[in-house]
């Protein structure tokens, strides 16, 4: 079987690629998607699919639909194995700033829009900031690598916006911390 980063290609990834290839050539999917398709795509899923497409030297016509603006609106960073008591953390890759904060004495990840103090807050386990930051950085780094390699300009623009917002210094509020600290930018 085909290996991607030392791991066998997942069936799910191969079927997604086949669906893209069939749509590009025959205007219909290889396999009908299940009715329970998520309305988002994780950075890890997108990376796996693009890495697979690159490893088999796919035509750009096959994978370019993945990075069309309407598809990129669905892109999320999936932050992993949180205990069941915690809501999944899936920041959108859309240039809006996410910050860590200890509000109401609970560690949280906040979506902070300009002009709005706090508009979305997700509780996170105590002492998990470093691990969550590492997950975000790893996923973004992989997507940046494959995006530069395949020259995927729309995805690169979106990733650069996300990194700029995620690394932005917290306003004058010391309780807020950037989701990607400056020391992770090197």
C-alpha atoms as a PDB file:
ATOM      1  CA  UNK A   1       0.000   0.000   0.000  1.00  0.00           C
ATOM      2  CA  UNK A   2       0.905   3.625  -0.408  1.00  0.00           C
ATOM      3  CA  UNK A   3       2.582   5.286   2.584  1.00  0.00           C
ATOM      4  CA  UNK A   4       2.119   8.929   3.536  1.00  0.00           C
ATOM      5  CA  UNK A   5       4.586  10.081   6.198  1.00  0.00           C
ATOM      6  CA  UNK A   6       5.329   6.443   7.002  1.00  0.00           C
ATOM      7  CA  UNK A   7       1.669   5.526   7.547  1.00  0.00           C
ATOM      8  CA  UNK A   8      -0.554   3.618   5.109  1.00  0.00           C
ATOM      9  CA  UNK A   9      -3.012   5.812   3.241  1.00  0.00           C
ATOM     10  CA  UNK A  10      -6.428   5.606   4.890  1.00  0.00           C
ATOM     11  CA  UNK A  11      -9.335   4.186   2.917  1.00  0.00           C
ATOM     12  CA  UNK A  12     -11.329   7.322   3.726  1.00  0.00           C
ATOM     13  CA  UNK A  13      -8.625   9.496   2.150  1.00  0.00           C
ATOM     14  CA  UNK A  14      -8.433   7.318  -0.978  1.00  0.00           C
ATOM     15  CA  UNK A  15     -12.236   7.379  -1.402  1.00  0.00           C
ATOM     16  CA  UNK A  16     -12.304  11.177  -0.979  1.00  0.00           C
ATOM     17  CA  UNK A  17      -9.625  11.480  -3.657  1.00  0.00           C
ATOM     18  CA  UNK A  18     -11.504   9.088  -5.954  1.00  0.00           C
ATOM     19  CA  UNK A  19     -14.668  11.155  -5.472  1.00  0.00           C
ATOM     20  CA  UNK A  20     -12.741  14.293  -6.456  1.00  0.00           C
ATOM     21  CA  UNK A  21     -11.203  12.579  -9.488  1.00  0.00           C
ATOM     22  CA  UNK A  22     -14.549  11.185 -10.665  1.00  0.00           C
ATOM     23  CA  UNK A  23     -16.245  14.567 -10.220  1.00  0.00           C
ATOM     24  CA  UNK A  24     -13.459  16.240 -12.216  1.00  0.00           C
ATOM     25  CA  UNK A  25     -13.801  13.785 -15.100  1.00  0.00           C
ATOM     26  CA  UNK A  26     -17.289  12.288 -14.966  1.00  0.00           C
ATOM     27  CA  UNK A  27     -19.255  14.895 -12.996  1.00  0.00           C
ATOM     28  CA  UNK A  28     -20.378  12.278 -10.470  1.00  0.00           C
ATOM     29  CA  UNK A  29     -18.726  10.815  -7.361  1.00  0.00           C
ATOM     30  CA  UNK A  30     -16.959   7.462  -7.198  1.00  0.00           C
ATOM     31  CA  UNK A  31     -18.904   6.532  -4.080  1.00  0.00           C
ATOM     32  CA  UNK A  32     -22.014   8.279  -2.823  1.00  0.00           C
ATOM     33  CA  UNK A  33     -21.189  10.162   0.382  1.00  0.00           C
ATOM     34  CA  UNK A  34     -23.020   9.139   3.517  1.00  0.00           C
ATOM     35  CA  UNK A  35     -25.944  11.282   4.590  1.00  0.00           C
ATOM     36  CA  UNK A  36     -24.013  12.284   7.695  1.00  0.00           C
ATOM     37  CA  UNK A  37     -21.232  14.236   5.981  1.00  0.00           C
ATOM     38  CA  UNK A  38     -19.859  16.937   8.302  1.00  0.00           C
ATOM     39  CA  UNK A  39     -20.243  20.507   7.122  1.00  0.00           C
ATOM     40  CA  UNK A  40     -16.614  21.230   8.021  1.00  0.00           C
ATOM     41  CA  UNK A  41     -13.201  19.922   7.003  1.00  0.00           C
ATOM     42  CA  UNK A  42     -10.376  19.597   9.501  1.00  0.00           C
ATOM     43  CA  UNK A  43      -6.855  20.734   8.733  1.00  0.00           C
ATOM     44  CA  UNK A  44      -5.610  17.171   9.292  1.00  0.00           C
ATOM     45  CA  UNK A  45      -8.143  15.752   6.781  1.00  0.00           C
ATOM     46  CA  UNK A  46      -7.251  18.374   4.189  1.00  0.00           C
ATOM     47  CA  UNK A  47      -3.528  17.764   4.687  1.00  0.00           C
ATOM     48  CA  UNK A  48      -3.944  13.980   4.311  1.00  0.00           C
ATOM     49  CA  UNK A  49      -5.925  14.412   1.112  1.00  0.00           C
ATOM     50  CA  UNK A  50      -3.486  16.920  -0.393  1.00  0.00           C
ATOM     51  CA  UNK A  51      -0.474  14.798   0.636  1.00  0.00           C
ATOM     52  CA  UNK A  52      -2.113  11.756  -0.979  1.00  0.00           C
ATOM     53  CA  UNK A  53      -2.842  13.727  -4.156  1.00  0.00           C
ATOM     54  CA  UNK A  54       0.766  14.929  -4.221  1.00  0.00           C
ATOM     55  CA  UNK A  55       2.200  11.449  -3.602  1.00  0.00           C
ATOM     56  CA  UNK A  56       0.388  10.008  -6.625  1.00  0.00           C
ATOM     57  CA  UNK A  57       1.124  13.078  -8.783  1.00  0.00           C
ATOM     58  CA  UNK A  58      -2.525  14.084  -9.198  1.00  0.00           C
ATOM     59  CA  UNK A  59      -3.518  16.750 -11.638  1.00  0.00           C
ATOM     60  CA  UNK A  60      -4.392  20.079 -10.014  1.00  0.00           C
ATOM     61  CA  UNK A  61      -7.820  19.748 -11.630  1.00  0.00           C
ATOM     62  CA  UNK A  62      -8.555  17.016  -9.093  1.00  0.00           C
ATOM     63  CA  UNK A  63      -7.662  18.832  -5.878  1.00  0.00           C
ATOM     64  CA  UNK A  64      -8.160  22.524  -6.720  1.00  0.00           C
ATOM     65  CA  UNK A  65     -11.860  22.313  -5.781  1.00  0.00           C
ATOM     66  CA  UNK A  66     -10.692  21.584  -2.216  1.00  0.00           C
ATOM     67  CA  UNK A  67      -9.148  25.013  -1.910  1.00  0.00           C
ATOM     68  CA  UNK A  68     -11.904  27.037  -3.546  1.00  0.00           C
ATOM     69  CA  UNK A  69     -13.046  29.857  -1.262  1.00  0.00           C
ATOM     70  CA  UNK A  70     -16.423  28.268  -0.545  1.00  0.00           C
ATOM     71  CA  UNK A  71     -14.653  25.080   0.644  1.00  0.00           C
ATOM     72  CA  UNK A  72     -12.072  26.968   2.698  1.00  0.00           C
ATOM     73  CA  UNK A  73     -14.870  28.554   4.729  1.00  0.00           C
ATOM     74  CA  UNK A  74     -15.440  25.063   6.143  1.00  0.00           C
ATOM     75  CA  UNK A  75     -11.800  24.573   7.223  1.00  0.00           C
ATOM     76  CA  UNK A  76     -11.250  24.039  10.958  1.00  0.00           C
ATOM     77  CA  UNK A  77      -8.310  23.173  13.182  1.00  0.00           C
ATOM     78  CA  UNK A  78      -9.352  20.094  15.196  1.00  0.00           C
ATOM     79  CA  UNK A  79      -7.871  20.242  18.660  1.00  0.00           C
ATOM     80  CA  UNK A  80      -7.682  16.721  19.875  1.00  0.00           C
ATOM     81  CA  UNK A  81      -8.374  14.425  22.706  1.00  0.00           C
ATOM     82  CA  UNK A  82     -10.226  16.483  25.275  1.00  0.00           C
ATOM     83  CA  UNK A  83     -12.138  14.754  28.059  1.00  0.00           C
ATOM     84  CA  UNK A  84     -15.837  14.146  27.320  1.00  0.00           C
ATOM     85  CA  UNK A  85     -16.871  16.947  29.657  1.00  0.00           C
ATOM     86  CA  UNK A  86     -15.361  19.462  27.225  1.00  0.00           C
ATOM     87  CA  UNK A  87     -16.885  20.756  24.011  1.00  0.00           C
ATOM     88  CA  UNK A  88     -14.738  20.023  20.915  1.00  0.00           C
ATOM     89  CA  UNK A  89     -12.369  22.874  20.089  1.00  0.00           C
ATOM     90  CA  UNK A  90     -12.415  23.622  16.351  1.00  0.00           C
ATOM     91  CA  UNK A  91     -11.233  27.155  15.531  1.00  0.00           C
ATOM     92  CA  UNK A  92     -12.088  28.311  12.018  1.00  0.00           C
ATOM     93  CA  UNK A  93      -9.193  29.182   9.705  1.00  0.00           C
ATOM     94  CA  UNK A  94     -10.632  32.536   8.743  1.00  0.00           C
ATOM     95  CA  UNK A  95      -8.367  35.247  10.137  1.00  0.00           C
ATOM     96  CA  UNK A  96     -10.397  35.942  13.264  1.00  0.00           C
ATOM     97  CA  UNK A  97      -8.336  36.113  16.471  1.00  0.00           C
ATOM     98  CA  UNK A  98      -8.515  33.290  18.984  1.00  0.00           C
ATOM     99  CA  UNK A  99      -6.963  33.808  22.414  1.00  0.00           C
ATOM    100  CA  UNK A 100      -6.522  31.829  25.603  1.00  0.00           C
ATOM    101  CA  UNK A 101      -8.138  33.482  28.599  1.00  0.00           C
ATOM    102  CA  UNK A 102      -8.927  32.751  32.248  1.00  0.00           C
ATOM    103  CA  UNK A 103     -12.325  34.337  32.560  1.00  0.00           C
ATOM    104  CA  UNK A 104     -14.670  33.380  35.368  1.00  0.00           C
ATOM    105  CA  UNK A 105     -11.749  31.436  36.853  1.00  0.00           C
ATOM    106  CA  UNK A 106     -11.946  28.811  34.063  1.00  0.00           C
ATOM    107  CA  UNK A 107      -9.344  28.392  31.316  1.00  0.00           C
ATOM    108  CA  UNK A 108     -10.973  29.008  27.945  1.00  0.00           C
ATOM    109  CA  UNK A 109     -10.312  29.534  24.276  1.00  0.00           C
ATOM    110  CA  UNK A 110     -12.104  32.647  23.040  1.00  0.00           C
ATOM    111  CA  UNK A 111     -12.994  33.893  19.610  1.00  0.00           C
ATOM    112  CA  UNK A 112     -12.420  37.593  19.950  1.00  0.00           C
ATOM    113  CA  UNK A 113     -13.714  39.867  17.186  1.00  0.00           C
ATOM    114  CA  UNK A 114     -12.700  43.520  16.929  1.00  0.00           C
ATOM    115  CA  UNK A 115     -15.143  45.738  18.774  1.00  0.00           C
ATOM    116  CA  UNK A 116     -16.633  42.794  20.668  1.00  0.00           C
ATOM    117  CA  UNK A 117     -15.182  41.891  24.066  1.00  0.00           C
ATOM    118  CA  UNK A 118     -15.965  38.164  23.909  1.00  0.00           C
ATOM    119  CA  UNK A 119     -18.304  36.525  21.468  1.00  0.00           C
ATOM    120  CA  UNK A 120     -17.550  32.795  21.773  1.00  0.00           C
ATOM    121  CA  UNK A 121     -15.885  30.911  24.570  1.00  0.00           C
ATOM    122  CA  UNK A 122     -14.967  27.228  24.814  1.00  0.00           C
ATOM    123  CA  UNK A 123     -13.835  25.836  28.154  1.00  0.00           C
ATOM    124  CA  UNK A 124     -10.558  23.904  28.055  1.00  0.00           C
ATOM    125  CA  UNK A 125      -8.870  21.661  30.650  1.00  0.00           C
ATOM    126  CA  UNK A 126      -6.501  23.340  33.102  1.00  0.00           C
ATOM    127  CA  UNK A 127      -2.827  23.325  32.119  1.00  0.00           C
ATOM    128  CA  UNK A 128      -3.677  22.373  28.515  1.00  0.00           C
ATOM    129  CA  UNK A 129      -2.627  25.565  26.710  1.00  0.00           C
ATOM    130  CA  UNK A 130       0.832  24.309  25.702  1.00  0.00           C
ATOM    131  CA  UNK A 131      -0.508  21.013  24.329  1.00  0.00           C
ATOM    132  CA  UNK A 132      -3.323  22.780  22.448  1.00  0.00           C
ATOM    133  CA  UNK A 133      -0.853  25.300  21.013  1.00  0.00           C
ATOM    134  CA  UNK A 134       1.414  22.486  19.834  1.00  0.00           C
ATOM    135  CA  UNK A 135      -1.523  20.799  18.060  1.00  0.00           C
ATOM    136  CA  UNK A 136      -2.519  24.027  16.311  1.00  0.00           C
ATOM    137  CA  UNK A 137       1.065  24.763  15.247  1.00  0.00           C
ATOM    138  CA  UNK A 138       1.610  21.216  13.939  1.00  0.00           C
ATOM    139  CA  UNK A 139      -1.554  21.243  11.820  1.00  0.00           C
ATOM    140  CA  UNK A 140      -0.938  24.715  10.411  1.00  0.00           C
ATOM    141  CA  UNK A 141       2.709  23.902   9.670  1.00  0.00           C
ATOM    142  CA  UNK A 142       1.746  20.764   7.698  1.00  0.00           C
ATOM    143  CA  UNK A 143      -0.873  22.646   5.691  1.00  0.00           C
ATOM    144  CA  UNK A 144       1.562  25.483   4.972  1.00  0.00           C
ATOM    145  CA  UNK A 145       4.148  22.963   3.753  1.00  0.00           C
ATOM    146  CA  UNK A 146       1.806  21.166   1.351  1.00  0.00           C
ATOM    147  CA  UNK A 147       0.219  24.470   0.238  1.00  0.00           C
ATOM    148  CA  UNK A 148       3.585  25.924  -0.734  1.00  0.00           C
ATOM    149  CA  UNK A 149       4.621  22.679  -2.404  1.00  0.00           C
ATOM    150  CA  UNK A 150       1.427  22.538  -4.498  1.00  0.00           C
ATOM    151  CA  UNK A 151       1.234  26.343  -4.949  1.00  0.00           C
ATOM    152  CA  UNK A 152      -2.270  26.608  -3.507  1.00  0.00           C
ATOM    153  CA  UNK A 153      -2.580  30.381  -3.233  1.00  0.00           C
ATOM    154  CA  UNK A 154      -6.123  30.621  -1.761  1.00  0.00           C
ATOM    155  CA  UNK A 155      -5.210  28.196   1.031  1.00  0.00           C
ATOM    156  CA  UNK A 156      -1.904  29.972   1.663  1.00  0.00           C
ATOM    157  CA  UNK A 157      -3.691  33.306   2.028  1.00  0.00           C
ATOM    158  CA  UNK A 158      -6.156  31.847   4.507  1.00  0.00           C
ATOM    159  CA  UNK A 159      -3.412  30.141   6.544  1.00  0.00           C
ATOM    160  CA  UNK A 160      -1.348  33.339   6.681  1.00  0.00           C
ATOM    161  CA  UNK A 161      -4.405  35.269   7.920  1.00  0.00           C
ATOM    162  CA  UNK A 162      -4.996  32.622  10.590  1.00  0.00           C
ATOM    163  CA  UNK A 163      -1.372  32.680  11.780  1.00  0.00           C
ATOM    164  CA  UNK A 164      -1.281  36.483  11.879  1.00  0.00           C
ATOM    165  CA  UNK A 165      -4.469  36.618  13.950  1.00  0.00           C
ATOM    166  CA  UNK A 166      -3.481  33.680  16.176  1.00  0.00           C
ATOM    167  CA  UNK A 167      -0.058  35.175  16.928  1.00  0.00           C
ATOM    168  CA  UNK A 168      -1.279  38.728  17.433  1.00  0.00           C
ATOM    169  CA  UNK A 169      -0.414  40.083  20.831  1.00  0.00           C
ATOM    170  CA  UNK A 170      -3.328  40.245  23.221  1.00  0.00           C
ATOM    171  CA  UNK A 171      -4.730  43.752  23.454  1.00  0.00           C
ATOM    172  CA  UNK A 172      -3.895  45.563  26.688  1.00  0.00           C
ATOM    173  CA  UNK A 173      -5.508  42.737  28.624  1.00  0.00           C
ATOM    174  CA  UNK A 174      -2.923  40.523  30.336  1.00  0.00           C
ATOM    175  CA  UNK A 175      -5.439  37.717  30.868  1.00  0.00           C
ATOM    176  CA  UNK A 176      -5.545  37.006  27.135  1.00  0.00           C
ATOM    177  CA  UNK A 177      -2.750  35.028  25.513  1.00  0.00           C
ATOM    178  CA  UNK A 178      -2.139  34.370  21.814  1.00  0.00           C
ATOM    179  CA  UNK A 179      -3.035  30.857  20.653  1.00  0.00           C
ATOM    180  CA  UNK A 180       0.295  30.762  18.753  1.00  0.00           C
ATOM    181  CA  UNK A 181       2.952  32.474  20.903  1.00  0.00           C
ATOM    182  CA  UNK A 182       5.730  34.393  19.134  1.00  0.00           C
ATOM    183  CA  UNK A 183       8.353  31.813  20.220  1.00  0.00           C
ATOM    184  CA  UNK A 184       6.529  29.176  18.105  1.00  0.00           C
ATOM    185  CA  UNK A 185       6.881  31.322  14.987  1.00  0.00           C
ATOM    186  CA  UNK A 186      10.531  30.449  14.327  1.00  0.00           C
END
